Amino acid sequence: MATLVASKAVQPLATRALASAVSYVVIYGVTFAFFAPPATQMVASGHAGLDAASVSFALLLMAALTVTFGATTFGYLVGWRVESDVRQLRMSQTRGSVEFASLGTLLALATAGVFLLIVTGGTGITLSLTGAATLGLVVPGMVAALCTRSVVEHVAAAKRDMLATSLSALVVIVLVNYLIVGSLPPLAELPQLFGL
């Protein structure tokens, strides 16, 4: 027990922030992979042809942007701030977890809102689009926001765990971006996909 407390005290703040970022990316990506098929099926049930392809592509693109840039940046910056405040005793561990989860939930809701704004263009939002945004963007963001702080201690505790989680985050980013390539229609259909 004394060794655990001592290792926690000497962990650099940057290490804990990096552990937050890579953990957030892995949790988000794995959750998205689980919920992406039903989310894209919801899109297909509410749209047909190129509309379904463009909306599915937009959903995957938003998820890929979130995993690649949003989750990494959010996990590191918010993780840094929360860890710093906890370390300086400006907030408790519990309050830090609540703040991280709250901000992560807001990020997930904002991402879903941007997706809905892009695909509807100001027209009516359908139930299938709302369901797809919820399953594909909100649920993964909330799960990552709620679970990240509980694994940071373990990930940051050993270099081996940090390396394994970092490599896992890189694999998640590559695979989610690969989904976009797989969802692109043939080049001849791209102008129609983007409404040109």
Protein backbone atom coordinates (compact mmCIF):
# COMPACT_ATOMS: atom_id res chain seq x y z
CA MET A 1 0.00 0.00 0.00
CA ALA A 2 2.84 2.40 0.87
CA THR A 3 4.48 1.63 -2.48
CA LEU A 4 1.26 2.50 -4.33
CA VAL A 5 0.92 5.82 -2.50
CA ALA A 6 4.59 6.62 -3.12
CA SER A 7 4.34 5.80 -6.85
CA LYS A 8 1.22 7.95 -7.11
CA ALA A 9 3.00 10.90 -5.52
CA VAL A 10 6.00 10.76 -7.85
CA GLN A 11 4.12 10.32 -11.13
CA PRO A 12 4.69 13.40 -13.28
CA LEU A 13 1.59 15.39 -14.14
CA ALA A 14 2.31 14.97 -17.86
CA THR A 15 2.31 11.17 -17.45
CA ARG A 16 -1.10 11.20 -15.79
CA ALA A 17 -2.48 13.59 -18.42
CA LEU A 18 -1.16 11.33 -21.19
CA ALA A 19 -2.70 8.33 -19.41
CA SER A 20 -6.03 10.19 -19.40
CA ALA A 21 -5.76 10.95 -23.12
CA VAL A 22 -4.85 7.45 -24.30
CA SER A 23 -7.39 5.81 -21.98
CA TYR A 24 -10.12 8.14 -23.21
CA VAL A 25 -9.27 7.35 -26.85
CA VAL A 26 -9.28 3.59 -26.27
CA ILE A 27 -12.55 3.58 -24.34
CA TYR A 28 -14.23 5.89 -26.86
CA GLY A 29 -13.01 3.90 -29.85
CA VAL A 30 -13.96 0.49 -28.49
CA THR A 31 -17.41 1.75 -27.47
CA PHE A 32 -17.88 3.35 -30.89
CA ALA A 33 -16.92 0.10 -32.62
CA PHE A 34 -19.62 -1.66 -30.60
CA PHE A 35 -22.34 0.91 -31.36
CA ALA A 36 -21.39 1.89 -34.95
CA PRO A 37 -23.28 -0.96 -36.69
CA PRO A 38 -26.66 -0.21 -35.07
CA ALA A 39 -26.08 3.52 -35.57
CA THR A 40 -25.44 3.11 -39.30
CA GLN A 41 -28.44 0.75 -39.56
CA MET A 42 -30.60 3.49 -38.04
CA VAL A 43 -29.35 5.84 -40.73
CA ALA A 44 -30.15 3.29 -43.44
CA SER A 45 -33.66 2.73 -42.05
CA GLY A 46 -34.41 6.45 -42.25
CA HIS A 47 -32.73 7.20 -45.59
CA ALA A 48 -32.21 5.54 -48.93
CA GLY A 49 -29.45 5.39 -51.51
CA LEU A 50 -26.94 8.22 -51.54
CA ASP A 51 -28.63 9.96 -48.61
CA ALA A 52 -27.93 6.97 -46.37
CA ALA A 53 -24.36 6.72 -47.68
CA SER A 54 -23.66 10.42 -47.06
CA VAL A 55 -25.18 10.39 -43.57
CA SER A 56 -23.31 7.20 -42.63
CA PHE A 57 -20.12 8.73 -43.98
CA ALA A 58 -20.75 11.91 -41.95
CA LEU A 59 -21.31 9.83 -38.80
CA LEU A 60 -18.08 7.90 -39.30
CA LEU A 61 -16.22 11.10 -40.15
CA MET A 62 -17.40 12.81 -36.95
CA ALA A 63 -16.39 9.78 -34.91
CA ALA A 64 -12.98 9.64 -36.59
CA LEU A 65 -12.38 13.36 -36.02
CA THR A 66 -13.46 12.97 -32.41
CA VAL A 67 -11.20 9.98 -31.77
CA THR A 68 -8.23 11.40 -33.67
CA PHE A 69 -8.29 14.99 -32.47
CA GLY A 70 -11.11 15.73 -30.03
CA ALA A 71 -10.67 12.81 -27.64
CA THR A 72 -6.90 13.09 -27.60
CA THR A 73 -6.92 16.84 -26.98
CA PHE A 74 -9.79 16.68 -24.50
CA GLY A 75 -8.31 13.75 -22.58
CA TYR A 76 -4.92 15.43 -22.26
CA LEU A 77 -5.99 19.01 -21.48
CA VAL A 78 -8.88 18.21 -19.16
CA GLY A 79 -6.92 15.33 -17.65
CA TRP A 80 -4.03 17.72 -16.96
CA ARG A 81 -6.30 20.31 -15.35
CA VAL A 82 -8.19 17.82 -13.20
CA GLU A 83 -5.01 16.02 -12.12
CA SER A 84 -3.37 19.36 -11.31
CA ASP A 85 -6.33 20.50 -9.21
CA VAL A 86 -6.49 17.17 -7.38
CA ARG A 87 -2.75 17.23 -6.74
CA GLN A 88 -2.90 20.77 -5.36
CA LEU A 89 -5.90 19.77 -3.20
CA ARG A 90 -8.23 22.25 -4.92
CA MET A 91 -10.66 19.38 -5.49
CA SER A 92 -11.17 15.84 -4.30
CA GLN A 93 -10.70 12.73 -6.47
CA THR A 94 -14.47 12.31 -6.59
CA ARG A 95 -15.06 15.89 -7.68
CA GLY A 96 -12.32 15.51 -10.28
CA SER A 97 -14.03 12.43 -11.70
CA VAL A 98 -17.38 14.23 -11.77
CA GLU A 99 -15.86 17.23 -13.54
CA PHE A 100 -14.10 15.05 -16.12
CA ALA A 101 -17.32 13.10 -16.74
CA SER A 102 -19.40 16.28 -17.02
CA LEU A 103 -17.06 17.94 -19.49
CA GLY A 104 -16.79 14.71 -21.49
CA THR A 105 -20.57 14.45 -21.66
CA LEU A 106 -20.78 18.04 -22.91
CA LEU A 107 -18.20 17.22 -25.59
CA ALA A 108 -20.23 14.18 -26.68
CA LEU A 109 -23.45 16.20 -26.86
CA ALA A 110 -21.72 18.99 -28.79
CA THR A 111 -20.27 16.48 -31.27
CA ALA A 112 -23.71 14.95 -31.84
CA GLY A 113 -25.17 18.44 -32.25
CA VAL A 114 -22.59 19.34 -34.91
CA PHE A 115 -23.30 16.06 -36.71
CA LEU A 116 -27.06 16.74 -36.73
CA LEU A 117 -26.51 20.31 -37.91
CA ILE A 118 -24.28 19.14 -40.77
CA VAL A 119 -26.51 16.35 -42.03
CA THR A 120 -29.81 18.20 -41.72
CA GLY A 121 -28.59 21.58 -42.96
CA GLY A 122 -31.15 23.30 -40.77
CA THR A 123 -34.07 21.12 -41.93
CA GLY A 124 -36.00 18.82 -39.64
CA ILE A 125 -34.19 16.33 -37.47
CA THR A 126 -35.60 12.82 -37.76
CA LEU A 127 -35.83 10.16 -35.10
CA SER A 128 -33.42 7.91 -37.02
CA LEU A 129 -30.78 10.69 -37.16
CA THR A 130 -31.20 11.40 -33.47
CA GLY A 131 -30.86 7.70 -32.66
CA ALA A 132 -27.78 7.38 -34.88
CA ALA A 133 -26.16 10.43 -33.25
CA THR A 134 -26.97 9.09 -29.80
CA LEU A 135 -25.63 5.58 -30.45
CA GLY A 136 -22.66 6.59 -32.59
CA LEU A 137 -21.46 9.74 -30.83
CA VAL A 138 -23.13 10.44 -27.48
CA VAL A 139 -22.93 6.95 -25.94
CA PRO A 140 -19.22 6.41 -26.75
CA GLY A 141 -18.37 9.90 -25.49
CA MET A 142 -20.27 9.42 -22.25
CA VAL A 143 -18.84 5.96 -21.60
CA ALA A 144 -15.31 7.30 -22.16
CA ALA A 145 -16.00 10.32 -19.96
CA LEU A 146 -17.38 8.19 -17.13
CA CYS A 147 -14.75 5.43 -17.22
CA THR A 148 -11.47 7.17 -18.02
CA ARG A 149 -10.60 8.47 -14.57
CA SER A 150 -11.07 5.03 -13.04
CA VAL A 151 -8.28 3.52 -15.17
CA VAL A 152 -5.76 6.40 -15.21
CA GLU A 153 -4.06 5.21 -12.02
CA HIS A 154 -3.44 1.77 -13.49
CA VAL A 155 -2.31 3.04 -16.90
CA ALA A 156 0.10 5.61 -15.43
CA ALA A 157 1.50 3.21 -12.81
CA ALA A 158 3.94 1.37 -15.09
CA LYS A 159 5.72 2.25 -18.32
CA ARG A 160 4.66 -1.10 -19.77
CA ASP A 161 0.97 -0.30 -19.18
CA MET A 162 1.38 3.21 -20.57
CA LEU A 163 3.08 1.85 -23.70
CA ALA A 164 0.44 -0.83 -24.22
CA THR A 165 -2.42 1.65 -23.80
CA SER A 166 -0.71 4.19 -26.09
CA LEU A 167 -0.29 1.54 -28.80
CA SER A 168 -3.92 0.53 -28.31
CA ALA A 169 -4.99 4.16 -28.74
CA LEU A 170 -2.97 4.38 -31.95
CA VAL A 171 -4.60 1.19 -33.26
CA VAL A 172 -8.05 2.56 -32.38
CA ILE A 173 -7.34 5.80 -34.25
CA VAL A 174 -6.10 3.91 -37.33
CA LEU A 175 -9.08 1.52 -37.34
CA VAL A 176 -11.70 4.24 -36.93
CA ASN A 177 -10.10 6.22 -39.76
CA TYR A 178 -9.98 3.03 -41.83
CA LEU A 179 -13.76 2.75 -41.43
CA ILE A 180 -14.09 6.04 -43.29
CA VAL A 181 -12.13 4.69 -46.24
CA GLY A 182 -14.31 1.59 -46.27
CA SER A 183 -17.50 3.68 -46.23
CA LEU A 184 -16.52 5.91 -49.17
CA PRO A 185 -18.48 5.22 -52.35
CA PRO A 186 -16.76 4.93 -55.73
CA LEU A 187 -15.07 8.13 -56.91
CA ALA A 188 -17.74 8.69 -59.57
CA GLU A 189 -20.38 9.06 -56.84
CA LEU A 190 -18.42 11.49 -54.65
CA PRO A 191 -19.82 14.68 -56.24
CA GLN A 192 -23.38 13.43 -55.61
CA LEU A 193 -22.46 12.39 -52.09
CA PHE A 194 -21.49 15.95 -51.25
CA GLY A 195 -24.45 17.46 -53.08
CA LEU A 196 -22.52 18.73 -56.12
